[in-house]
């Protein structure tokens, strides 16, 4: 599948399979709410992608 932009809405606390798929992307924008737990989860996902 040749896709330029793919928008994914997911639950909090992504599982390993979702993170594995995210690692295949060239670029990613993570969007979160200002709640401490949401920001924490988002930062964990960002770090695990490296």
Protein backbone atom coordinates (compact mmCIF):
# COMPACT_ATOMS: atom_id res chain seq x y z
CA UNK A 1 0.00 0.00 0.00
CA UNK A 2 1.48 3.35 -1.05
CA UNK A 3 0.30 5.95 1.46
CA UNK A 4 1.62 9.47 2.03
CA UNK A 5 -0.34 10.24 5.20
CA UNK A 6 -1.95 7.80 7.59
CA UNK A 7 -3.86 9.08 10.61
CA UNK A 8 -4.28 6.66 13.51
CA UNK A 9 -6.39 7.26 16.60
CA UNK A 10 -5.46 4.84 19.36
CA UNK A 11 -6.13 4.05 22.96
CA UNK A 12 -3.81 5.23 25.71
CA UNK A 13 -0.88 2.98 26.46
CA UNK A 14 0.02 1.56 23.06
CA UNK A 15 0.88 -2.12 22.92
CA UNK A 16 4.09 -3.55 21.44
CA UNK A 17 2.50 -4.37 18.04
CA UNK A 18 1.37 -0.76 17.57
CA UNK A 19 4.82 0.51 18.52
CA UNK A 20 6.43 -1.91 16.07
CA UNK A 21 4.27 -0.54 13.26
CA UNK A 22 5.11 3.02 14.26
CA UNK A 23 8.81 2.19 13.97
CA UNK A 24 8.32 1.61 10.23
CA UNK A 25 7.42 5.26 9.59
CA UNK A 26 9.78 7.98 8.39
CA UNK A 27 8.01 10.68 10.38
CA UNK A 28 5.43 10.76 13.14
CA UNK A 29 3.43 13.40 15.00
CA UNK A 30 2.19 12.42 18.44
CA UNK A 31 -0.81 14.32 19.82
CA UNK A 32 -1.89 14.14 23.44
CA UNK A 33 -3.89 15.95 26.09
CA UNK A 34 -2.32 18.01 28.87
CA UNK A 35 -3.01 15.40 31.56
CA UNK A 36 0.17 14.20 33.27
CA UNK A 37 -0.50 10.52 32.51
CA UNK A 38 -1.18 11.26 28.85
CA UNK A 39 2.01 13.27 28.45
CA UNK A 40 3.97 10.55 30.25
CA UNK A 41 2.61 7.82 27.94
CA UNK A 42 3.34 9.93 24.87
CA UNK A 43 6.92 10.50 25.96
CA UNK A 44 7.37 6.76 26.57
CA UNK A 45 6.13 6.04 23.05
CA UNK A 46 8.46 8.65 21.60
CA UNK A 47 11.48 7.22 23.41
CA UNK A 48 10.65 3.60 22.53
CA UNK A 49 10.57 4.54 18.83
CA UNK A 50 14.28 5.47 18.80
